[in-house]
Amino acid sequence: MGFVKDTGSNEYIGWISLEKRKINNRIRQIFIDNERPDLIMEQVQINERQYVVQIFELKRVAYENDHNLPTDDDYRVSEVLYFATLNDVSLFLKKYDKQLSEIKWMSEIPSL
């Protein structure tokens, strides 16, 4: 789910997306801490910060190109942020004049 992000330029399209990550409790059942500490730590981080906000501004020509995937150089903004609660997300979105009550499915966002 997400929002259109104003880029201030016709050359770029922008969006803010929100995702909730889910904990995989099976990992703790399968592995002990010293076997796969990376997997255990990832689950701890997901538990502490379940919500992911991604902010992107991408060159319109790169987005509309049917032949090549966008490269890192095609992004003017590419941020990924993690939050513990929806309240934290809501407070952050105020910076962009967005409210969770206005969030849309990504398929409903124009140009995406």
PDB file of N, CA and C in Angstrom:
ATOM      1  N   MET A   1       0.845  -1.159   0.000  1.00  0.00           N
ATOM      2  CA  MET A   1       0.000   0.000   0.000  1.00  0.00           C
ATOM      3  C   MET A   1       0.891   1.223   0.000  1.00  0.00           C
ATOM      4  N   GLY A   2       0.325   2.363  -0.448  1.00  0.00           N
ATOM      5  CA  GLY A   2       1.177   3.527  -0.482  1.00  0.00           C
ATOM      6  C   GLY A   2       0.495   4.798  -0.944  1.00  0.00           C
ATOM      7  N   PHE A   3       1.357   5.751  -1.325  1.00  0.00           N
ATOM      8  CA  PHE A   3       0.936   7.082  -1.718  1.00  0.00           C
ATOM      9  C   PHE A   3       1.757   7.549  -2.908  1.00  0.00           C
ATOM     10  N   VAL A   4       1.201   8.477  -3.680  1.00  0.00           N
ATOM     11  CA  VAL A   4       1.980   9.204  -4.664  1.00  0.00           C
ATOM     12  C   VAL A   4       2.833  10.208  -3.903  1.00  0.00           C
ATOM     13  N   LYS A   5       4.063  10.386  -4.332  1.00  0.00           N
ATOM     14  CA  LYS A   5       4.943  11.378  -3.722  1.00  0.00           C
ATOM     15  C   LYS A   5       5.249  12.449  -4.755  1.00  0.00           C
ATOM     16  N   ASP A   6       5.018  13.693  -4.400  1.00  0.00           N
ATOM     17  CA  ASP A   6       5.338  14.798  -5.299  1.00  0.00           C
ATOM     18  C   ASP A   6       6.852  14.899  -5.432  1.00  0.00           C
ATOM     19  N   THR A   7       7.332  14.943  -6.673  1.00  0.00           N
ATOM     20  CA  THR A   7       8.766  15.024  -6.916  1.00  0.00           C
ATOM     21  C   THR A   7       9.203  16.433  -7.312  1.00  0.00           C
ATOM     22  N   GLY A   8       8.226  17.277  -7.643  1.00  0.00           N
ATOM     23  CA  GLY A   8       8.565  18.623  -8.083  1.00  0.00           C
ATOM     24  C   GLY A   8       9.143  18.672  -9.479  1.00  0.00           C
ATOM     25  N   SER A   9       9.025  17.570 -10.223  1.00  0.00           N
ATOM     26  CA  SER A   9       9.595  17.496 -11.571  1.00  0.00           C
ATOM     27  C   SER A   9       8.796  16.505 -12.411  1.00  0.00           C
ATOM     28  N   ASN A  10       8.560  16.852 -13.663  1.00  0.00           N
ATOM     29  CA  ASN A  10       7.892  15.915 -14.579  1.00  0.00           C
ATOM     30  C   ASN A  10       8.820  14.788 -15.006  1.00  0.00           C
ATOM     31  N   GLU A  11      10.113  14.965 -14.786  1.00  0.00           N
ATOM     32  CA  GLU A  11      11.085  13.949 -15.178  1.00  0.00           C
ATOM     33  C   GLU A  11      11.115  12.757 -14.222  1.00  0.00           C
ATOM     34  N   TYR A  12      10.533  12.926 -13.029  1.00  0.00           N
ATOM     35  CA  TYR A  12      10.566  11.873 -12.018  1.00  0.00           C
ATOM     36  C   TYR A  12       9.153  11.541 -11.544  1.00  0.00           C
ATOM     37  N   ILE A  13       8.955  10.280 -11.201  1.00  0.00           N
ATOM     38  CA  ILE A  13       7.738   9.852 -10.508  1.00  0.00           C
ATOM     39  C   ILE A  13       8.164   9.459  -9.093  1.00  0.00           C
ATOM     40  N   GLY A  14       7.253   9.580  -8.162  1.00  0.00           N
ATOM     41  CA  GLY A  14       7.609   9.253  -6.790  1.00  0.00           C
ATOM     42  C   GLY A  14       6.484   8.547  -6.069  1.00  0.00           C
ATOM     43  N   TRP A  15       6.848   7.735  -5.107  1.00  0.00           N
ATOM     44  CA  TRP A  15       5.861   7.048  -4.287  1.00  0.00           C
ATOM     45  C   TRP A  15       6.444   6.716  -2.927  1.00  0.00           C
ATOM     46  N   ILE A  16       5.531   6.534  -1.989  1.00  0.00           N
ATOM     47  CA  ILE A  16       5.859   6.095  -0.633  1.00  0.00           C
ATOM     48  C   ILE A  16       5.055   4.827  -0.402  1.00  0.00           C
ATOM     49  N   SER A  17       5.712   3.756  -0.044  1.00  0.00           N
ATOM     50  CA  SER A  17       4.992   2.503   0.193  1.00  0.00           C
ATOM     51  C   SER A  17       5.124   2.089   1.657  1.00  0.00           C
ATOM     52  N   LEU A  18       4.140   1.331   2.102  1.00  0.00           N
ATOM     53  CA  LEU A  18       4.106   0.826   3.476  1.00  0.00           C
ATOM     54  C   LEU A  18       3.850  -0.668   3.438  1.00  0.00           C
ATOM     55  N   GLU A  19       4.633  -1.379   4.208  1.00  0.00           N
ATOM     56  CA  GLU A  19       4.498  -2.839   4.291  1.00  0.00           C
ATOM     57  C   GLU A  19       4.644  -3.255   5.745  1.00  0.00           C
ATOM     58  N   LYS A  20       3.910  -4.283   6.123  1.00  0.00           N
ATOM     59  CA  LYS A  20       4.078  -4.865   7.456  1.00  0.00           C
ATOM     60  C   LYS A  20       4.764  -6.220   7.297  1.00  0.00           C
ATOM     61  N   ARG A  21       5.904  -6.347   7.937  1.00  0.00           N
ATOM     62  CA  ARG A  21       6.634  -7.615   7.882  1.00  0.00           C
ATOM     63  C   ARG A  21       6.072  -8.553   8.934  1.00  0.00           C
ATOM     64  N   LYS A  22       6.120  -9.837   8.643  1.00  0.00           N
ATOM     65  CA  LYS A  22       5.620 -10.831   9.590  1.00  0.00           C
ATOM     66  C   LYS A  22       6.778 -11.656  10.140  1.00  0.00           C
ATOM     67  N   ILE A  23       6.688 -11.928  11.403  1.00  0.00           N
ATOM     68  CA  ILE A  23       7.685 -12.761  12.081  1.00  0.00           C
ATOM     69  C   ILE A  23       7.487 -14.210  11.660  1.00  0.00           C
ATOM     70  N   ASN A  24       8.592 -14.898  11.438  1.00  0.00           N
ATOM     71  CA  ASN A  24       8.550 -16.317  11.120  1.00  0.00           C
ATOM     72  C   ASN A  24       8.971 -17.089  12.374  1.00  0.00           C
ATOM     73  N   ASN A  25       7.989 -17.476  13.179  1.00  0.00           N
ATOM     74  CA  ASN A  25       8.281 -18.167  14.438  1.00  0.00           C
ATOM     75  C   ASN A  25       8.955 -19.517  14.217  1.00  0.00           C
ATOM     76  N   ARG A  26       8.804 -20.066  13.071  1.00  0.00           N
ATOM     77  CA  ARG A  26       9.405 -21.371  12.761  1.00  0.00           C
ATOM     78  C   ARG A  26      10.933 -21.314  12.822  1.00  0.00           C
ATOM     79  N   ILE A  27      11.505 -20.170  12.511  1.00  0.00           N
ATOM     80  CA  ILE A  27      12.969 -20.046  12.538  1.00  0.00           C
ATOM     81  C   ILE A  27      13.510 -20.319  13.932  1.00  0.00           C
ATOM     82  N   ARG A  28      12.863 -19.800  14.951  1.00  0.00           N
ATOM     83  CA  ARG A  28      13.296 -20.060  16.336  1.00  0.00           C
ATOM     84  C   ARG A  28      13.137 -21.536  16.702  1.00  0.00           C
ATOM     85  N   GLN A  29      12.158 -22.183  16.109  1.00  0.00           N
ATOM     86  CA  GLN A  29      11.936 -23.603  16.389  1.00  0.00           C
ATOM     87  C   GLN A  29      12.994 -24.476  15.715  1.00  0.00           C
ATOM     88  N   ILE A  30      13.443 -24.058  14.553  1.00  0.00           N
ATOM     89  CA  ILE A  30      14.381 -24.869  13.772  1.00  0.00           C
ATOM     90  C   ILE A  30      15.829 -24.647  14.196  1.00  0.00           C
ATOM     91  N   PHE A  31      16.205 -23.383  14.405  1.00  0.00           N
ATOM     92  CA  PHE A  31      17.604 -23.044  14.668  1.00  0.00           C
ATOM     93  C   PHE A  31      17.791 -22.560  16.104  1.00  0.00           C
ATOM     94  N   ILE A  32      18.923 -22.928  16.674  1.00  0.00           N
ATOM     95  CA  ILE A  32      19.298 -22.324  17.946  1.00  0.00           C
ATOM     96  C   ILE A  32      20.164 -21.105  17.626  1.00  0.00           C
ATOM     97  N   ASP A  33      20.333 -20.219  18.593  1.00  0.00           N
ATOM     98  CA  ASP A  33      20.995 -18.937  18.354  1.00  0.00           C
ATOM     99  C   ASP A  33      22.368 -19.048  17.693  1.00  0.00           C
ATOM    100  N   ASN A  34      23.163 -20.024  18.101  1.00  0.00           N
ATOM    101  CA  ASN A  34      24.519 -20.103  17.560  1.00  0.00           C
ATOM    102  C   ASN A  34      24.600 -20.806  16.205  1.00  0.00           C
ATOM    103  N   GLU A  35      23.524 -21.448  15.748  1.00  0.00           N
ATOM    104  CA  GLU A  35      23.544 -22.093  14.430  1.00  0.00           C
ATOM    105  C   GLU A  35      23.382 -21.068  13.307  1.00  0.00           C
ATOM    106  N   ARG A  36      22.398 -20.212  13.415  1.00  0.00           N
ATOM    107  CA  ARG A  36      22.116 -19.201  12.392  1.00  0.00           C
ATOM    108  C   ARG A  36      21.783 -17.873  13.063  1.00  0.00           C
ATOM    109  N   PRO A  37      22.772 -17.233  13.657  1.00  0.00           N
ATOM    110  CA  PRO A  37      22.505 -15.979  14.360  1.00  0.00           C
ATOM    111  C   PRO A  37      21.942 -14.894  13.447  1.00  0.00           C
ATOM    112  N   ASP A  38      22.292 -14.944  12.161  1.00  0.00           N
ATOM    113  CA  ASP A  38      21.769 -13.948  11.223  1.00  0.00           C
ATOM    114  C   ASP A  38      20.253 -14.058  11.085  1.00  0.00           C
ATOM    115  N   LEU A  39      19.751 -15.276  10.999  1.00  0.00           N
ATOM    116  CA  LEU A  39      18.305 -15.479  10.871  1.00  0.00           C
ATOM    117  C   LEU A  39      17.580 -15.124  12.163  1.00  0.00           C
ATOM    118  N   ILE A  40      18.171 -15.485  13.283  1.00  0.00           N
ATOM    119  CA  ILE A  40      17.565 -15.167  14.580  1.00  0.00           C
ATOM    120  C   ILE A  40      17.511 -13.651  14.756  1.00  0.00           C
ATOM    121  N   MET A  41      18.622 -12.954  14.451  1.00  0.00           N
ATOM    122  CA  MET A  41      18.672 -11.497  14.595  1.00  0.00           C
ATOM    123  C   MET A  41      17.665 -10.818  13.669  1.00  0.00           C
ATOM    124  N   GLU A  42      17.502 -11.328  12.477  1.00  0.00           N
ATOM    125  CA  GLU A  42      16.521 -10.760  11.547  1.00  0.00           C
ATOM    126  C   GLU A  42      15.111 -10.837  12.129  1.00  0.00           C
ATOM    127  N   GLN A  43      14.781 -11.948  12.755  1.00  0.00           N
ATOM    128  CA  GLN A  43      13.460 -12.103  13.361  1.00  0.00           C
ATOM    129  C   GLN A  43      13.284 -11.166  14.555  1.00  0.00           C
ATOM    130  N   VAL A  44      14.342 -10.960  15.318  1.00  0.00           N
ATOM    131  CA  VAL A  44      14.291 -10.014  16.436  1.00  0.00           C
ATOM    132  C   VAL A  44      14.035  -8.601  15.904  1.00  0.00           C
ATOM    133  N   GLN A  45      14.729  -8.233  14.829  1.00  0.00           N
ATOM    134  CA  GLN A  45      14.543  -6.907  14.235  1.00  0.00           C
ATOM    135  C   GLN A  45      13.127  -6.734  13.683  1.00  0.00           C
ATOM    136  N   ILE A  46      12.597  -7.759  13.049  1.00  0.00           N
ATOM    137  CA  ILE A  46      11.224  -7.696  12.547  1.00  0.00           C
ATOM    138  C   ILE A  46      10.260  -7.510  13.704  1.00  0.00           C
ATOM    139  N   ASN A  47      10.484  -8.230  14.794  1.00  0.00           N
ATOM    140  CA  ASN A  47       9.617  -8.107  15.965  1.00  0.00           C
ATOM    141  C   ASN A  47       9.641  -6.684  16.531  1.00  0.00           C
ATOM    142  N   GLU A  48      10.808  -6.056  16.519  1.00  0.00           N
ATOM    143  CA  GLU A  48      10.953  -4.712  17.079  1.00  0.00           C
ATOM    144  C   GLU A  48      10.451  -3.624  16.140  1.00  0.00           C
ATOM    145  N   ARG A  49      10.559  -3.841  14.839  1.00  0.00           N
ATOM    146  CA  ARG A  49      10.167  -2.833  13.842  1.00  0.00           C
ATOM    147  C   ARG A  49       9.492  -3.536  12.665  1.00  0.00           C
ATOM    148  N   GLN A  50       8.192  -3.756  12.819  1.00  0.00           N
ATOM    149  CA  GLN A  50       7.442  -4.533  11.826  1.00  0.00           C
ATOM    150  C   GLN A  50       7.073  -3.754  10.575  1.00  0.00           C
ATOM    151  N   TYR A  51       7.034  -2.435  10.671  1.00  0.00           N
ATOM    152  CA  TYR A  51       6.537  -1.631   9.551  1.00  0.00           C
ATOM    153  C   TYR A  51       7.697  -1.047   8.736  1.00  0.00           C
ATOM    154  N   VAL A  52       7.609  -1.204   7.411  1.00  0.00           N
ATOM    155  CA  VAL A  52       8.633  -0.721   6.499  1.00  0.00           C
ATOM    156  C   VAL A  52       8.022   0.355   5.611  1.00  0.00           C
ATOM    157  N   VAL A  53       8.654   1.519   5.600  1.00  0.00           N
ATOM    158  CA  VAL A  53       8.259   2.602   4.707  1.00  0.00           C
ATOM    159  C   VAL A  53       9.391   2.772   3.701  1.00  0.00           C
ATOM    160  N   GLN A  54       9.031   2.748   2.414  1.00  0.00           N
ATOM    161  CA  GLN A  54      10.007   2.949   1.352  1.00  0.00           C
ATOM    162  C   GLN A  54       9.624   4.208   0.585  1.00  0.00           C
ATOM    163  N   ILE A  55      10.602   5.047   0.326  1.00  0.00           N
ATOM    164  CA  ILE A  55      10.386   6.306  -0.377  1.00  0.00           C
ATOM    165  C   ILE A  55      11.267   6.289  -1.622  1.00  0.00           C
ATOM    166  N   PHE A  56      10.624   6.494  -2.782  1.00  0.00           N
ATOM    167  CA  PHE A  56      11.349   6.439  -4.044  1.00  0.00           C
ATOM    168  C   PHE A  56      10.998   7.606  -4.941  1.00  0.00           C
ATOM    169  N   GLU A  57      11.995   8.077  -5.685  1.00  0.00           N
ATOM    170  CA  GLU A  57      11.810   8.962  -6.824  1.00  0.00           C
ATOM    171  C   GLU A  57      12.633   8.359  -7.950  1.00  0.00           C
ATOM    172  N   LEU A  58      11.959   8.063  -9.051  1.00  0.00           N
ATOM    173  CA  LEU A  58      12.559   7.341 -10.168  1.00  0.00           C
ATOM    174  C   LEU A  58      12.355   8.130 -11.454  1.00  0.00           C
ATOM    175  N   LYS A  59      13.375   8.137 -12.309  1.00  0.00           N
ATOM    176  CA  LYS A  59      13.238   8.794 -13.613  1.00  0.00           C
ATOM    177  C   LYS A  59      12.057   8.180 -14.358  1.00  0.00           C
ATOM    178  N   ARG A  60      11.201   9.026 -14.864  1.00  0.00           N
ATOM    179  CA  ARG A  60      10.021   8.562 -15.585  1.00  0.00           C
ATOM    180  C   ARG A  60      10.411   7.691 -16.789  1.00  0.00           C
ATOM    181  N   VAL A  61      11.446   8.087 -17.537  1.00  0.00           N
ATOM    182  CA  VAL A  61      11.851   7.309 -18.712  1.00  0.00           C
ATOM    183  C   VAL A  61      12.331   5.914 -18.315  1.00  0.00           C
ATOM    184  N   ALA A  62      12.949   5.796 -17.156  1.00  0.00           N
ATOM    185  CA  ALA A  62      13.396   4.476 -16.688  1.00  0.00           C
ATOM    186  C   ALA A  62      12.198   3.616 -16.311  1.00  0.00           C
ATOM    187  N   TYR A  63      11.188   4.242 -15.720  1.00  0.00           N
ATOM    188  CA  TYR A  63       9.979   3.511 -15.335  1.00  0.00           C
ATOM    189  C   TYR A  63       9.198   3.050 -16.561  1.00  0.00           C
ATOM    190  N   GLU A  64       9.131   3.914 -17.569  1.00  0.00           N
ATOM    191  CA  GLU A  64       8.339   3.618 -18.763  1.00  0.00           C
ATOM    192  C   GLU A  64       9.082   2.766 -19.785  1.00  0.00           C
ATOM    193  N   ASN A  65      10.358   2.505 -19.557  1.00  0.00           N
ATOM    194  CA  ASN A  65      11.180   1.706 -20.450  1.00  0.00           C
ATOM    195  C   ASN A  65      10.778   0.234 -20.335  1.00  0.00           C
ATOM    196  N   ASP A  66      10.401  -0.356 -21.456  1.00  0.00           N
ATOM    197  CA  ASP A  66       9.979  -1.760 -21.462  1.00  0.00           C
ATOM    198  C   ASP A  66      11.142  -2.734 -21.639  1.00  0.00           C
ATOM    199  N   HIS A  67      12.330  -2.222 -21.897  1.00  0.00           N
ATOM    200  CA  HIS A  67      13.444  -3.110 -22.243  1.00  0.00           C
ATOM    201  C   HIS A  67      14.436  -3.351 -21.115  1.00  0.00           C
ATOM    202  N   ASN A  68      14.655  -2.344 -20.284  1.00  0.00           N
ATOM    203  CA  ASN A  68      15.667  -2.472 -19.237  1.00  0.00           C
ATOM    204  C   ASN A  68      15.072  -2.135 -17.870  1.00  0.00           C
ATOM    205  N   LEU A  69      15.534  -2.818 -16.870  1.00  0.00           N
ATOM    206  CA  LEU A  69      15.135  -2.495 -15.507  1.00  0.00           C
ATOM    207  C   LEU A  69      15.864  -1.233 -15.055  1.00  0.00           C
ATOM    208  N   PRO A  70      15.269  -0.470 -14.148  1.00  0.00           N
ATOM    209  CA  PRO A  70      15.959   0.724 -13.633  1.00  0.00           C
ATOM    210  C   PRO A  70      17.265   0.350 -12.936  1.00  0.00           C
ATOM    211  N   THR A  71      18.234   1.238 -13.046  1.00  0.00           N
ATOM    212  CA  THR A  71      19.513   1.057 -12.357  1.00  0.00           C
ATOM    213  C   THR A  71      19.549   2.009 -11.159  1.00  0.00           C
ATOM    214  N   ASP A  72      20.566   1.874 -10.335  1.00  0.00           N
ATOM    215  CA  ASP A  72      20.717   2.762  -9.176  1.00  0.00           C
ATOM    216  C   ASP A  72      20.772   4.227  -9.606  1.00  0.00           C
ATOM    217  N   ASP A  73      21.363   4.503 -10.756  1.00  0.00           N
ATOM    218  CA  ASP A  73      21.483   5.880 -11.243  1.00  0.00           C
ATOM    219  C   ASP A  73      20.141   6.486 -11.629  1.00  0.00           C
ATOM    220  N   ASP A  74      19.126   5.654 -11.850  1.00  0.00           N
ATOM    221  CA  ASP A  74      17.805   6.144 -12.233  1.00  0.00           C
ATOM    222  C   ASP A  74      17.004   6.656 -11.041  1.00  0.00           C
ATOM    223  N   TYR A  75      17.444   6.352  -9.833  1.00  0.00           N
ATOM    224  CA  TYR A  75      16.745   6.778  -8.622  1.00  0.00           C
ATOM    225  C   TYR A  75      17.368   8.057  -8.075  1.00  0.00           C
ATOM    226  N   ARG A  76      16.530   9.062  -7.868  1.00  0.00           N
ATOM    227  CA  ARG A  76      16.983  10.286  -7.209  1.00  0.00           C
ATOM    228  C   ARG A  76      16.862  10.117  -5.691  1.00  0.00           C
ATOM    229  N   VAL A  77      15.825   9.391  -5.262  1.00  0.00           N
ATOM    230  CA  VAL A  77      15.614   9.089  -3.847  1.00  0.00           C
ATOM    231  C   VAL A  77      15.309   7.600  -3.719  1.00  0.00           C
ATOM    232  N   SER A  78      15.951   6.953  -2.772  1.00  0.00           N
ATOM    233  CA  SER A  78      15.700   5.547  -2.486  1.00  0.00           C
ATOM    234  C   SER A  78      15.998   5.322  -1.001  1.00  0.00           C
ATOM    235  N   GLU A  79      14.935   5.404  -0.186  1.00  0.00           N
ATOM    236  CA  GLU A  79      15.093   5.270   1.264  1.00  0.00           C
ATOM    237  C   GLU A  79      14.216   4.141   1.779  1.00  0.00           C
ATOM    238  N   VAL A  80      14.722   3.429   2.758  1.00  0.00           N
ATOM    239  CA  VAL A  80      13.960   2.397   3.441  1.00  0.00           C
ATOM    240  C   VAL A  80      14.076   2.670   4.936  1.00  0.00           C
ATOM    241  N   LEU A  81      12.906   2.796   5.586  1.00  0.00           N
ATOM    242  CA  LEU A  81      12.861   3.107   7.009  1.00  0.00           C
ATOM    243  C   LEU A  81      12.004   2.081   7.731  1.00  0.00           C
ATOM    244  N   TYR A  82      12.349   1.806   8.975  1.00  0.00           N
ATOM    245  CA  TYR A  82      11.645   0.799   9.764  1.00  0.00           C
ATOM    246  C   TYR A  82      11.023   1.447  10.994  1.00  0.00           C
ATOM    247  N   PHE A  83       9.777   1.043  11.326  1.00  0.00           N
ATOM    248  CA  PHE A  83       9.052   1.620  12.443  1.00  0.00           C
ATOM    249  C   PHE A  83       8.425   0.519  13.290  1.00  0.00           C
ATOM    250  N   ALA A  84       8.295   0.808  14.576  1.00  0.00           N
ATOM    251  CA  ALA A  84       7.745  -0.177  15.514  1.00  0.00           C
ATOM    252  C   ALA A  84       6.220  -0.221  15.476  1.00  0.00           C
ATOM    253  N   THR A  85       5.585   0.926  15.289  1.00  0.00           N
ATOM    254  CA  THR A  85       4.122   0.979  15.359  1.00  0.00           C
ATOM    255  C   THR A  85       3.546   1.796  14.203  1.00  0.00           C
ATOM    256  N   LEU A  86       2.255   1.606  13.959  1.00  0.00           N
ATOM    257  CA  LEU A  86       1.575   2.425  12.958  1.00  0.00           C
ATOM    258  C   LEU A  86       1.519   3.882  13.395  1.00  0.00           C
ATOM    259  N   ASN A  87       1.479   4.125  14.680  1.00  0.00           N
ATOM    260  CA  ASN A  87       1.515   5.497  15.171  1.00  0.00           C
ATOM    261  C   ASN A  87       2.826   6.174  14.775  1.00  0.00           C
ATOM    262  N   ASP A  88       3.930   5.448  14.892  1.00  0.00           N
ATOM    263  CA  ASP A  88       5.227   5.983  14.461  1.00  0.00           C
ATOM    264  C   ASP A  88       5.217   6.289  12.965  1.00  0.00           C
ATOM    265  N   VAL A  89       4.635   5.392  12.188  1.00  0.00           N
ATOM    266  CA  VAL A  89       4.522   5.599  10.737  1.00  0.00           C
ATOM    267  C   VAL A  89       3.695   6.844  10.467  1.00  0.00           C
ATOM    268  N   SER A  90       2.566   6.951  11.138  1.00  0.00           N
ATOM    269  CA  SER A  90       1.670   8.089  10.949  1.00  0.00           C
ATOM    270  C   SER A  90       2.378   9.410  11.246  1.00  0.00           C
ATOM    271  N   LEU A  91       3.127   9.453  12.322  1.00  0.00           N
ATOM    272  CA  LEU A  91       3.868  10.663  12.669  1.00  0.00           C
ATOM    273  C   LEU A  91       4.907  10.996  11.606  1.00  0.00           C
ATOM    274  N   PHE A  92       5.580   9.993  11.083  1.00  0.00           N
ATOM    275  CA  PHE A  92       6.575  10.205  10.032  1.00  0.00           C
ATOM    276  C   PHE A  92       5.917  10.731   8.753  1.00  0.00           C
ATOM    277  N   LEU A  93       4.769  10.177   8.381  1.00  0.00           N
ATOM    278  CA  LEU A  93       4.105  10.563   7.143  1.00  0.00           C
ATOM    279  C   LEU A  93       3.627  12.011   7.147  1.00  0.00           C
ATOM    280  N   LYS A  94       3.454  12.589   8.315  1.00  0.00           N
ATOM    281  CA  LYS A  94       3.062  14.005   8.394  1.00  0.00           C
ATOM    282  C   LYS A  94       4.096  14.889   7.715  1.00  0.00           C
ATOM    283  N   LYS A  95       5.333  14.457   7.718  1.00  0.00           N
ATOM    284  CA  LYS A  95       6.417  15.187   7.047  1.00  0.00           C
ATOM    285  C   LYS A  95       6.110  15.363   5.559  1.00  0.00           C
ATOM    286  N   TYR A  96       5.359  14.418   4.990  1.00  0.00           N
ATOM    287  CA  TYR A  96       4.993  14.446   3.579  1.00  0.00           C
ATOM    288  C   TYR A  96       3.528  14.837   3.376  1.00  0.00           C
ATOM    289  N   ASP A  97       2.884  15.332   4.422  1.00  0.00           N
ATOM    290  CA  ASP A  97       1.458  15.700   4.384  1.00  0.00           C
ATOM    291  C   ASP A  97       0.581  14.520   3.965  1.00  0.00           C
ATOM    292  N   LYS A  98       0.898  13.339   4.466  1.00  0.00           N
ATOM    293  CA  LYS A  98       0.136  12.120   4.178  1.00  0.00           C
ATOM    294  C   LYS A  98      -0.484  11.594   5.465  1.00  0.00           C
ATOM    295  N   GLN A  99      -1.659  10.965   5.306  1.00  0.00           N
ATOM    296  CA  GLN A  99      -2.334  10.345   6.437  1.00  0.00           C
ATOM    297  C   GLN A  99      -2.644   8.892   6.095  1.00  0.00           C
ATOM    298  N   LEU A 100      -2.523   8.023   7.071  1.00  0.00           N
ATOM    299  CA  LEU A 100      -2.788   6.602   6.831  1.00  0.00           C
ATOM    300  C   LEU A 100      -4.204   6.367   6.306  1.00  0.00           C
ATOM    301  N   SER A 101      -5.145   7.211   6.680  1.00  0.00           N
ATOM    302  CA  SER A 101      -6.520   7.041   6.211  1.00  0.00           C
ATOM    303  C   SER A 101      -6.640   7.247   4.697  1.00  0.00           C
ATOM    304  N   GLU A 102      -5.621   7.844   4.066  1.00  0.00           N
ATOM    305  CA  GLU A 102      -5.630   8.099   2.625  1.00  0.00           C
ATOM    306  C   GLU A 102      -4.822   7.075   1.831  1.00  0.00           C
ATOM    307  N   ILE A 103      -4.262   6.085   2.496  1.00  0.00           N
ATOM    308  CA  ILE A 103      -3.403   5.111   1.817  1.00  0.00           C
ATOM    309  C   ILE A 103      -4.195   4.321   0.782  1.00  0.00           C
ATOM    310  N   LYS A 104      -3.526   3.955  -0.305  1.00  0.00           N
ATOM    311  CA  LYS A 104      -4.169   3.222  -1.398  1.00  0.00           C
ATOM    312  C   LYS A 104      -3.373   1.957  -1.706  1.00  0.00           C
ATOM    313  N   TRP A 105      -4.035   1.018  -2.362  1.00  0.00           N
ATOM    314  CA  TRP A 105      -3.322  -0.137  -2.898  1.00  0.00           C
ATOM    315  C   TRP A 105      -2.383   0.379  -3.976  1.00  0.00           C
ATOM    316  N   MET A 106      -1.234  -0.219  -4.127  1.00  0.00           N
ATOM    317  CA  MET A 106      -0.252   0.251  -5.103  1.00  0.00           C
ATOM    318  C   MET A 106      -0.838   0.260  -6.527  1.00  0.00           C
ATOM    319  N   SER A 107      -1.728  -0.665  -6.824  1.00  0.00           N
ATOM    320  CA  SER A 107      -2.341  -0.711  -8.153  1.00  0.00           C
ATOM    321  C   SER A 107      -3.270   0.474  -8.406  1.00  0.00           C
ATOM    322  N   GLU A 108      -3.685   1.162  -7.355  1.00  0.00           N
ATOM    323  CA  GLU A 108      -4.578   2.326  -7.481  1.00  0.00           C
ATOM    324  C   GLU A 108      -3.811   3.645  -7.603  1.00  0.00           C
ATOM    325  N   ILE A 109      -2.484   3.597  -7.464  1.00  0.00           N
ATOM    326  CA  ILE A 109      -1.689   4.804  -7.529  1.00  0.00           C
ATOM    327  C   ILE A 109      -1.373   5.105  -9.000  1.00  0.00           C
ATOM    328  N   PRO A 110      -1.725   6.298  -9.478  1.00  0.00           N
ATOM    329  CA  PRO A 110      -1.454   6.638 -10.881  1.00  0.00           C
ATOM    330  C   PRO A 110       0.023   6.512 -11.215  1.00  0.00           C
ATOM    331  N   SER A 111       0.304   6.014 -12.405  1.00  0.00           N
ATOM    332  CA  SER A 111       1.651   5.857 -12.962  1.00  0.00           C
ATOM    333  C   SER A 111       2.450   4.725 -12.343  1.00  0.00           C
ATOM    334  N   LEU A 112       1.871   3.961 -11.440  1.00  0.00           N
ATOM    335  CA  LEU A 112       2.617   2.841 -10.857  1.00  0.00           C
ATOM    336  C   LEU A 112       1.917   1.544 -11.165  1.00  0.00           C
TER     337      LEU A 112
END
